[in-house]
PDB file of N, CA and C in Angstrom:
ATOM      1  N   MET A   1      -6.458  12.346   9.539  1.00  0.00           N
ATOM      2  CA  MET A   1      -6.486  11.187   8.684  1.00  0.00           C
ATOM      3  C   MET A   1      -6.311  11.631   7.232  1.00  0.00           C
ATOM      4  N   LEU A   2      -5.464  10.901   6.514  1.00  0.00           N
ATOM      5  CA  LEU A   2      -5.255  11.152   5.089  1.00  0.00           C
ATOM      6  C   LEU A   2      -5.768   9.954   4.310  1.00  0.00           C
ATOM      7  N   ASP A   3      -6.386  10.223   3.187  1.00  0.00           N
ATOM      8  CA  ASP A   3      -7.006   9.182   2.374  1.00  0.00           C
ATOM      9  C   ASP A   3      -6.784   9.524   0.910  1.00  0.00           C
ATOM     10  N   GLY A   4      -6.353   8.559   0.117  1.00  0.00           N
ATOM     11  CA  GLY A   4      -6.145   8.786  -1.305  1.00  0.00           C
ATOM     12  C   GLY A   4      -6.041   7.478  -2.053  1.00  0.00           C
ATOM     13  N   SER A   5      -6.068   7.548  -3.366  1.00  0.00           N
ATOM     14  CA  SER A   5      -6.013   6.352  -4.197  1.00  0.00           C
ATOM     15  C   SER A   5      -4.694   6.253  -4.937  1.00  0.00           C
ATOM     16  N   VAL A   6      -4.264   5.021  -5.137  1.00  0.00           N
ATOM     17  CA  VAL A   6      -3.069   4.732  -5.930  1.00  0.00           C
ATOM     18  C   VAL A   6      -3.399   3.593  -6.881  1.00  0.00           C
ATOM     19  N   SER A   7      -2.630   3.506  -7.932  1.00  0.00           N
ATOM     20  CA  SER A   7      -2.774   2.416  -8.888  1.00  0.00           C
ATOM     21  C   SER A   7      -1.534   1.539  -8.817  1.00  0.00           C
ATOM     22  N   VAL A   8      -1.723   0.245  -8.924  1.00  0.00           N
ATOM     23  CA  VAL A   8      -0.595  -0.682  -8.964  1.00  0.00           C
ATOM     24  C   VAL A   8      -0.058  -0.635 -10.390  1.00  0.00           C
ATOM     25  N   VAL A   9       1.167  -0.116 -10.555  1.00  0.00           N
ATOM     26  CA  VAL A   9       1.716   0.088 -11.896  1.00  0.00           C
ATOM     27  C   VAL A   9       2.826  -0.894 -12.269  1.00  0.00           C
ATOM     28  N   ASN A  10       3.383  -1.585 -11.304  1.00  0.00           N
ATOM     29  CA  ASN A  10       4.457  -2.512 -11.649  1.00  0.00           C
ATOM     30  C   ASN A  10       3.863  -3.760 -12.319  1.00  0.00           C
ATOM     31  N   PRO A  11       4.546  -4.289 -13.324  1.00  0.00           N
ATOM     32  CA  PRO A  11       4.001  -5.364 -14.156  1.00  0.00           C
ATOM     33  C   PRO A  11       3.561  -6.616 -13.395  1.00  0.00           C
ATOM     34  N   LEU A  12       4.214  -6.943 -12.313  1.00  0.00           N
ATOM     35  CA  LEU A  12       3.878  -8.151 -11.565  1.00  0.00           C
ATOM     36  C   LEU A  12       2.843  -7.907 -10.475  1.00  0.00           C
ATOM     37  N   GLY A  13       2.368  -6.691 -10.363  1.00  0.00           N
ATOM     38  CA  GLY A  13       1.382  -6.374  -9.338  1.00  0.00           C
ATOM     39  C   GLY A  13       2.002  -6.337  -7.944  1.00  0.00           C
ATOM     40  N   LEU A  14       1.173  -6.462  -6.958  1.00  0.00           N
ATOM     41  CA  LEU A  14       1.626  -6.405  -5.562  1.00  0.00           C
ATOM     42  C   LEU A  14       1.995  -7.820  -5.110  1.00  0.00           C
ATOM     43  N   HIS A  15       3.086  -8.331  -5.674  1.00  0.00           N
ATOM     44  CA  HIS A  15       3.571  -9.675  -5.382  1.00  0.00           C
ATOM     45  C   HIS A  15       4.405  -9.667  -4.102  1.00  0.00           C
ATOM     46  N   ALA A  16       5.001 -10.790  -3.764  1.00  0.00           N
ATOM     47  CA  ALA A  16       5.679 -10.946  -2.467  1.00  0.00           C
ATOM     48  C   ALA A  16       6.776  -9.911  -2.217  1.00  0.00           C
ATOM     49  N   ARG A  17       7.640  -9.669  -3.191  1.00  0.00           N
ATOM     50  CA  ARG A  17       8.740  -8.721  -2.978  1.00  0.00           C
ATOM     51  C   ARG A  17       8.209  -7.302  -2.800  1.00  0.00           C
ATOM     52  N   ALA A  18       7.250  -6.915  -3.624  1.00  0.00           N
ATOM     53  CA  ALA A  18       6.657  -5.579  -3.508  1.00  0.00           C
ATOM     54  C   ALA A  18       5.900  -5.446  -2.181  1.00  0.00           C
ATOM     55  N   ALA A  19       5.179  -6.486  -1.801  1.00  0.00           N
ATOM     56  CA  ALA A  19       4.441  -6.462  -0.534  1.00  0.00           C
ATOM     57  C   ALA A  19       5.406  -6.338   0.640  1.00  0.00           C
ATOM     58  N   ALA A  20       6.538  -7.029   0.568  1.00  0.00           N
ATOM     59  CA  ALA A  20       7.533  -6.946   1.638  1.00  0.00           C
ATOM     60  C   ALA A  20       8.096  -5.525   1.739  1.00  0.00           C
ATOM     61  N   GLN A  21       8.330  -4.894   0.595  1.00  0.00           N
ATOM     62  CA  GLN A  21       8.793  -3.502   0.593  1.00  0.00           C
ATOM     63  C   GLN A  21       7.763  -2.595   1.251  1.00  0.00           C
ATOM     64  N   LEU A  22       6.520  -2.783   0.885  1.00  0.00           N
ATOM     65  CA  LEU A  22       5.434  -1.981   1.441  1.00  0.00           C
ATOM     66  C   LEU A  22       5.355  -2.142   2.958  1.00  0.00           C
ATOM     67  N   VAL A  23       5.428  -3.368   3.430  1.00  0.00           N
ATOM     68  CA  VAL A  23       5.359  -3.643   4.869  1.00  0.00           C
ATOM     69  C   VAL A  23       6.553  -3.015   5.594  1.00  0.00           C
ATOM     70  N   ARG A  24       7.743  -3.087   4.990  1.00  0.00           N
ATOM     71  CA  ARG A  24       8.934  -2.472   5.597  1.00  0.00           C
ATOM     72  C   ARG A  24       8.764  -0.965   5.734  1.00  0.00           C
ATOM     73  N   VAL A  25       8.289  -0.325   4.689  1.00  0.00           N
ATOM     74  CA  VAL A  25       8.095   1.122   4.719  1.00  0.00           C
ATOM     75  C   VAL A  25       7.008   1.478   5.730  1.00  0.00           C
ATOM     76  N   ALA A  26       5.893   0.787   5.682  1.00  0.00           N
ATOM     77  CA  ALA A  26       4.784   1.077   6.606  1.00  0.00           C
ATOM     78  C   ALA A  26       5.212   0.872   8.056  1.00  0.00           C
ATOM     79  N   GLY A  27       6.054  -0.111   8.298  1.00  0.00           N
ATOM     80  CA  GLY A  27       6.506  -0.419   9.657  1.00  0.00           C
ATOM     81  C   GLY A  27       7.369   0.667  10.283  1.00  0.00           C
ATOM     82  N   LYS A  28       7.865   1.586   9.488  1.00  0.00           N
ATOM     83  CA  LYS A  28       8.695   2.679  10.011  1.00  0.00           C
ATOM     84  C   LYS A  28       7.862   3.756  10.697  1.00  0.00           C
ATOM     85  N   TYR A  29       6.542   3.696  10.515  1.00  0.00           N
ATOM     86  CA  TYR A  29       5.668   4.760  11.018  1.00  0.00           C
ATOM     87  C   TYR A  29       4.745   4.241  12.110  1.00  0.00           C
ATOM     88  N   ARG A  30       4.410   5.137  13.002  1.00  0.00           N
ATOM     89  CA  ARG A  30       3.515   4.783  14.105  1.00  0.00           C
ATOM     90  C   ARG A  30       2.051   4.812  13.688  1.00  0.00           C
ATOM     91  N   SER A  31       1.752   5.524  12.639  1.00  0.00           N
ATOM     92  CA  SER A  31       0.374   5.657  12.171  1.00  0.00           C
ATOM     93  C   SER A  31      -0.187   4.312  11.726  1.00  0.00           C
ATOM     94  N   ARG A  32      -1.501   4.207  11.803  1.00  0.00           N
ATOM     95  CA  ARG A  32      -2.195   3.042  11.280  1.00  0.00           C
ATOM     96  C   ARG A  32      -2.378   3.275   9.782  1.00  0.00           C
ATOM     97  N   ILE A  33      -1.961   2.323   8.969  1.00  0.00           N
ATOM     98  CA  ILE A  33      -2.031   2.448   7.517  1.00  0.00           C
ATOM     99  C   ILE A  33      -2.819   1.258   6.980  1.00  0.00           C
ATOM    100  N   THR A  34      -3.883   1.562   6.269  1.00  0.00           N
ATOM    101  CA  THR A  34      -4.702   0.497   5.702  1.00  0.00           C
ATOM    102  C   THR A  34      -4.840   0.688   4.193  1.00  0.00           C
ATOM    103  N   LEU A  35      -5.062  -0.420   3.521  1.00  0.00           N
ATOM    104  CA  LEU A  35      -5.305  -0.429   2.082  1.00  0.00           C
ATOM    105  C   LEU A  35      -6.699  -1.010   1.865  1.00  0.00           C
ATOM    106  N   HIS A  36      -7.421  -0.451   0.922  1.00  0.00           N
ATOM    107  CA  HIS A  36      -8.764  -0.924   0.624  1.00  0.00           C
ATOM    108  C   HIS A  36      -8.910  -1.100  -0.878  1.00  0.00           C
ATOM    109  N   ARG A  37      -9.398  -2.250  -1.253  1.00  0.00           N
ATOM    110  CA  ARG A  37      -9.630  -2.539  -2.670  1.00  0.00           C
ATOM    111  C   ARG A  37     -11.131  -2.449  -2.915  1.00  0.00           C
ATOM    112  N   ASP A  38     -11.568  -1.383  -3.554  1.00  0.00           N
ATOM    113  CA  ASP A  38     -12.990  -1.121  -3.739  1.00  0.00           C
ATOM    114  C   ASP A  38     -13.703  -2.173  -4.586  1.00  0.00           C
ATOM    115  N   ASP A  39     -13.020  -2.701  -5.595  1.00  0.00           N
ATOM    116  CA  ASP A  39     -13.699  -3.634  -6.501  1.00  0.00           C
ATOM    117  C   ASP A  39     -14.030  -4.977  -5.856  1.00  0.00           C
ATOM    118  N   SER A  40     -13.363  -5.304  -4.755  1.00  0.00           N
ATOM    119  CA  SER A  40     -13.667  -6.562  -4.067  1.00  0.00           C
ATOM    120  C   SER A  40     -14.001  -6.332  -2.594  1.00  0.00           C
ATOM    121  N   ASN A  41     -14.007  -5.077  -2.182  1.00  0.00           N
ATOM    122  CA  ASN A  41     -14.305  -4.702  -0.794  1.00  0.00           C
ATOM    123  C   ASN A  41     -13.344  -5.356   0.200  1.00  0.00           C
ATOM    124  N   ALA A  42     -12.091  -5.591  -0.212  1.00  0.00           N
ATOM    125  CA  ALA A  42     -11.082  -6.199   0.649  1.00  0.00           C
ATOM    126  C   ALA A  42     -10.264  -5.116   1.344  1.00  0.00           C
ATOM    127  N   PHE A  43      -9.901  -5.370   2.593  1.00  0.00           N
ATOM    128  CA  PHE A  43      -9.084  -4.460   3.385  1.00  0.00           C
ATOM    129  C   PHE A  43      -7.779  -5.139   3.766  1.00  0.00           C
ATOM    130  N   ALA A  44      -6.732  -4.340   3.978  1.00  0.00           N
ATOM    131  CA  ALA A  44      -5.457  -4.893   4.432  1.00  0.00           C
ATOM    132  C   ALA A  44      -4.770  -3.918   5.370  1.00  0.00           C
ATOM    133  N   ASN A  45      -4.123  -4.468   6.374  1.00  0.00           N
ATOM    134  CA  ASN A  45      -3.239  -3.715   7.244  1.00  0.00           C
ATOM    135  C   ASN A  45      -1.904  -3.645   6.504  1.00  0.00           C
ATOM    136  N   ALA A  46      -1.425  -2.458   6.193  1.00  0.00           N
ATOM    137  CA  ALA A  46      -0.197  -2.304   5.411  1.00  0.00           C
ATOM    138  C   ALA A  46       1.049  -2.775   6.152  1.00  0.00           C
ATOM    139  N   LYS A  47       0.924  -3.107   7.420  1.00  0.00           N
ATOM    140  CA  LYS A  47       2.063  -3.590   8.201  1.00  0.00           C
ATOM    141  C   LYS A  47       2.078  -5.110   8.310  1.00  0.00           C
ATOM    142  N   SER A  48       1.161  -5.776   7.610  1.00  0.00           N
ATOM    143  CA  SER A  48       1.063  -7.232   7.636  1.00  0.00           C
ATOM    144  C   SER A  48       1.205  -7.783   6.220  1.00  0.00           C
ATOM    145  N   ILE A  49       2.256  -8.532   5.974  1.00  0.00           N
ATOM    146  CA  ILE A  49       2.495  -9.043   4.623  1.00  0.00           C
ATOM    147  C   ILE A  49       1.379  -9.984   4.166  1.00  0.00           C
ATOM    148  N   LEU A  50       0.884 -10.817   5.053  1.00  0.00           N
ATOM    149  CA  LEU A  50      -0.191 -11.725   4.664  1.00  0.00           C
ATOM    150  C   LEU A  50      -1.457 -10.961   4.303  1.00  0.00           C
ATOM    151  N   SER A  51      -1.732  -9.921   5.046  1.00  0.00           N
ATOM    152  CA  SER A  51      -2.891  -9.081   4.776  1.00  0.00           C
ATOM    153  C   SER A  51      -2.754  -8.396   3.419  1.00  0.00           C
ATOM    154  N   VAL A  52      -1.570  -7.873   3.125  1.00  0.00           N
ATOM    155  CA  VAL A  52      -1.319  -7.187   1.851  1.00  0.00           C
ATOM    156  C   VAL A  52      -1.400  -8.171   0.688  1.00  0.00           C
ATOM    157  N   LEU A  53      -0.809  -9.342   0.823  1.00  0.00           N
ATOM    158  CA  LEU A  53      -0.853 -10.338  -0.247  1.00  0.00           C
ATOM    159  C   LEU A  53      -2.275 -10.822  -0.512  1.00  0.00           C
ATOM    160  N   ALA A  54      -3.109 -10.854   0.522  1.00  0.00           N
ATOM    161  CA  ALA A  54      -4.494 -11.303   0.369  1.00  0.00           C
ATOM    162  C   ALA A  54      -5.310 -10.370  -0.527  1.00  0.00           C
ATOM    163  N   LEU A  55      -4.832  -9.151  -0.746  1.00  0.00           N
ATOM    164  CA  LEU A  55      -5.523  -8.235  -1.650  1.00  0.00           C
ATOM    165  C   LEU A  55      -5.474  -8.725  -3.095  1.00  0.00           C
ATOM    166  N   ALA A  56      -4.465  -9.531  -3.427  1.00  0.00           N
ATOM    167  CA  ALA A  56      -4.281 -10.056  -4.787  1.00  0.00           C
ATOM    168  C   ALA A  56      -4.385  -8.933  -5.817  1.00  0.00           C
ATOM    169  N   ALA A  57      -3.619  -7.869  -5.592  1.00  0.00           N
ATOM    170  CA  ALA A  57      -3.681  -6.674  -6.439  1.00  0.00           C
ATOM    171  C   ALA A  57      -2.748  -6.806  -7.640  1.00  0.00           C
ATOM    172  N   ALA A  58      -3.330  -7.040  -8.790  1.00  0.00           N
ATOM    173  CA  ALA A  58      -2.573  -7.144 -10.039  1.00  0.00           C
ATOM    174  C   ALA A  58      -2.330  -5.747 -10.602  1.00  0.00           C
ATOM    175  N   VAL A  59      -1.513  -5.685 -11.644  1.00  0.00           N
ATOM    176  CA  VAL A  59      -1.254  -4.409 -12.308  1.00  0.00           C
ATOM    177  C   VAL A  59      -2.592  -3.803 -12.739  1.00  0.00           C
ATOM    178  N   GLY A  60      -2.732  -2.503 -12.509  1.00  0.00           N
ATOM    179  CA  GLY A  60      -3.950  -1.798 -12.860  1.00  0.00           C
ATOM    180  C   GLY A  60      -4.970  -1.700 -11.736  1.00  0.00           C
ATOM    181  N   THR A  61      -4.766  -2.445 -10.667  1.00  0.00           N
ATOM    182  CA  THR A  61      -5.686  -2.396  -9.525  1.00  0.00           C
ATOM    183  C   THR A  61      -5.586  -1.047  -8.831  1.00  0.00           C
ATOM    184  N   ILE A  62      -6.723  -0.477  -8.497  1.00  0.00           N
ATOM    185  CA  ILE A  62      -6.774   0.776  -7.751  1.00  0.00           C
ATOM    186  C   ILE A  62      -6.991   0.451  -6.275  1.00  0.00           C
ATOM    187  N   LEU A  63      -6.121   0.987  -5.441  1.00  0.00           N
ATOM    188  CA  LEU A  63      -6.221   0.797  -3.992  1.00  0.00           C
ATOM    189  C   LEU A  63      -6.379   2.139  -3.314  1.00  0.00           C
ATOM    190  N   ARG A  64      -7.179   2.176  -2.275  1.00  0.00           N
ATOM    191  CA  ARG A  64      -7.304   3.385  -1.469  1.00  0.00           C
ATOM    192  C   ARG A  64      -6.423   3.212  -0.241  1.00  0.00           C
ATOM    193  N   ILE A  65      -5.606   4.217   0.025  1.00  0.00           N
ATOM    194  CA  ILE A  65      -4.706   4.207   1.182  1.00  0.00           C
ATOM    195  C   ILE A  65      -5.249   5.171   2.221  1.00  0.00           C
ATOM    196  N   ARG A  66      -5.259   4.722   3.457  1.00  0.00           N
ATOM    197  CA  ARG A  66      -5.673   5.591   4.558  1.00  0.00           C
ATOM    198  C   ARG A  66      -4.600   5.521   5.642  1.00  0.00           C
ATOM    199  N   ALA A  67      -4.108   6.683   6.039  1.00  0.00           N
ATOM    200  CA  ALA A  67      -3.113   6.773   7.114  1.00  0.00           C
ATOM    201  C   ALA A  67      -3.697   7.628   8.221  1.00  0.00           C
ATOM    202  N   GLU A  68      -3.589   7.138   9.440  1.00  0.00           N
ATOM    203  CA  GLU A  68      -4.161   7.852  10.580  1.00  0.00           C
ATOM    204  C   GLU A  68      -3.223   7.735  11.774  1.00  0.00           C
ATOM    205  N   GLY A  69      -2.762   8.900  12.270  1.00  0.00           N
ATOM    206  CA  GLY A  69      -1.874   8.899  13.422  1.00  0.00           C
ATOM    207  C   GLY A  69      -0.959  10.097  13.421  1.00  0.00           C
ATOM    208  N   GLU A  70      -0.027  10.083  14.347  1.00  0.00           N
ATOM    209  CA  GLU A  70       0.833  11.249  14.570  1.00  0.00           C
ATOM    210  C   GLU A  70       1.766  11.570  13.407  1.00  0.00           C
ATOM    211  N   ASP A  71       2.168  10.570  12.639  1.00  0.00           N
ATOM    212  CA  ASP A  71       3.064  10.802  11.498  1.00  0.00           C
ATOM    213  C   ASP A  71       2.393  10.431  10.172  1.00  0.00           C
ATOM    214  N   GLU A  72       1.081  10.617  10.122  1.00  0.00           N
ATOM    215  CA  GLU A  72       0.306  10.205   8.955  1.00  0.00           C
ATOM    216  C   GLU A  72       0.750  10.850   7.654  1.00  0.00           C
ATOM    217  N   GLY A  73       1.165  12.098   7.697  1.00  0.00           N
ATOM    218  CA  GLY A  73       1.604  12.790   6.482  1.00  0.00           C
ATOM    219  C   GLY A  73       2.828  12.138   5.877  1.00  0.00           C
ATOM    220  N   ASP A  74       3.815  11.870   6.710  1.00  0.00           N
ATOM    221  CA  ASP A  74       5.035  11.221   6.227  1.00  0.00           C
ATOM    222  C   ASP A  74       4.751   9.801   5.745  1.00  0.00           C
ATOM    223  N   ALA A  75       3.921   9.086   6.489  1.00  0.00           N
ATOM    224  CA  ALA A  75       3.579   7.712   6.120  1.00  0.00           C
ATOM    225  C   ALA A  75       2.843   7.688   4.783  1.00  0.00           C
ATOM    226  N   PHE A  76       1.864   8.553   4.636  1.00  0.00           N
ATOM    227  CA  PHE A  76       1.078   8.605   3.401  1.00  0.00           C
ATOM    228  C   PHE A  76       1.969   8.937   2.207  1.00  0.00           C
ATOM    229  N   ASP A  77       2.842   9.911   2.370  1.00  0.00           N
ATOM    230  CA  ASP A  77       3.750  10.293   1.282  1.00  0.00           C
ATOM    231  C   ASP A  77       4.675   9.144   0.892  1.00  0.00           C
ATOM    232  N   ALA A  78       5.235   8.454   1.879  1.00  0.00           N
ATOM    233  CA  ALA A  78       6.171   7.362   1.601  1.00  0.00           C
ATOM    234  C   ALA A  78       5.481   6.212   0.868  1.00  0.00           C
ATOM    235  N   ILE A  79       4.280   5.876   1.299  1.00  0.00           N
ATOM    236  CA  ILE A  79       3.554   4.768   0.674  1.00  0.00           C
ATOM    237  C   ILE A  79       3.129   5.128  -0.749  1.00  0.00           C
ATOM    238  N   THR A  80       2.617   6.332  -0.948  1.00  0.00           N
ATOM    239  CA  THR A  80       2.185   6.715  -2.298  1.00  0.00           C
ATOM    240  C   THR A  80       3.371   6.799  -3.259  1.00  0.00           C
ATOM    241  N   LYS A  81       4.515   7.249  -2.776  1.00  0.00           N
ATOM    242  CA  LYS A  81       5.716   7.298  -3.624  1.00  0.00           C
ATOM    243  C   LYS A  81       6.153   5.893  -4.026  1.00  0.00           C
ATOM    244  N   LEU A  82       6.041   4.960  -3.099  1.00  0.00           N
ATOM    245  CA  LEU A  82       6.408   3.578  -3.386  1.00  0.00           C
ATOM    246  C   LEU A  82       5.564   3.028  -4.537  1.00  0.00           C
ATOM    247  N   PHE A  83       4.255   3.290  -4.490  1.00  0.00           N
ATOM    248  CA  PHE A  83       3.377   2.850  -5.573  1.00  0.00           C
ATOM    249  C   PHE A  83       3.686   3.590  -6.870  1.00  0.00           C
ATOM    250  N   ALA A  84       3.901   4.893  -6.790  1.00  0.00           N
ATOM    251  CA  ALA A  84       4.174   5.701  -7.986  1.00  0.00           C
ATOM    252  C   ALA A  84       5.449   5.241  -8.690  1.00  0.00           C
ATOM    253  N   ASN A  85       6.434   4.791  -7.908  1.00  0.00           N
ATOM    254  CA  ASN A  85       7.705   4.326  -8.470  1.00  0.00           C
ATOM    255  C   ASN A  85       7.667   2.858  -8.876  1.00  0.00           C
ATOM    256  N   GLY A  86       6.504   2.224  -8.773  1.00  0.00           N
ATOM    257  CA  GLY A  86       6.381   0.827  -9.172  1.00  0.00           C
ATOM    258  C   GLY A  86       7.244  -0.103  -8.367  1.00  0.00           C
ATOM    259  N   PHE A  87       7.501   0.260  -7.108  1.00  0.00           N
ATOM    260  CA  PHE A  87       8.320  -0.545  -6.197  1.00  0.00           C
ATOM    261  C   PHE A  87       9.708  -0.788  -6.767  1.00  0.00           C
ATOM    262  N   GLY A  88      10.162   0.149  -7.610  1.00  0.00           N
ATOM    263  CA  GLY A  88      11.492   0.052  -8.210  1.00  0.00           C
ATOM    264  C   GLY A  88      11.578  -0.954  -9.342  1.00  0.00           C
ATOM    265  N   GLU A  89      10.436  -1.408  -9.842  1.00  0.00           N
ATOM    266  CA  GLU A  89      10.429  -2.438 -10.877  1.00  0.00           C
ATOM    267  C   GLU A  89      10.168  -1.901 -12.279  1.00  0.00           C
ATOM    268  N   ILE A  90       9.845  -0.618 -12.398  1.00  0.00           N
ATOM    269  CA  ILE A  90       9.587  -0.082 -13.739  1.00  0.00           C
ATOM    270  C   ILE A  90      10.590   0.985 -14.084  1.00  0.00           C
TER     271      ILE A  90
END
C-alpha cells in the first residue's frame, strides 16, 4: 500500500473536468485508489466521479491518496503527477 498527500493546485479546484480526468486515469489501474480529505474527514473512491466531486476540493485543499493493489506504484505515480500538473490547467 502506498499513501501520500497532494495539494489541489489548479485554480478551479477539483471540478467536473478535473474529476473526470482523475477517474479516467484511476480507471486504468486494477489497484484500489482512495482519496481522503482530512479537514472534513471525507473519503472518495477515485474511480467514481460522484464520489470525487463530493469531496468539494477547492484550490489549496490537501488530499491524502492511498493506492493498494498489484499496480499500486504505477497508479500512485500517475495520480500524483496529475495533481502536480494541475490537471493541465496551470
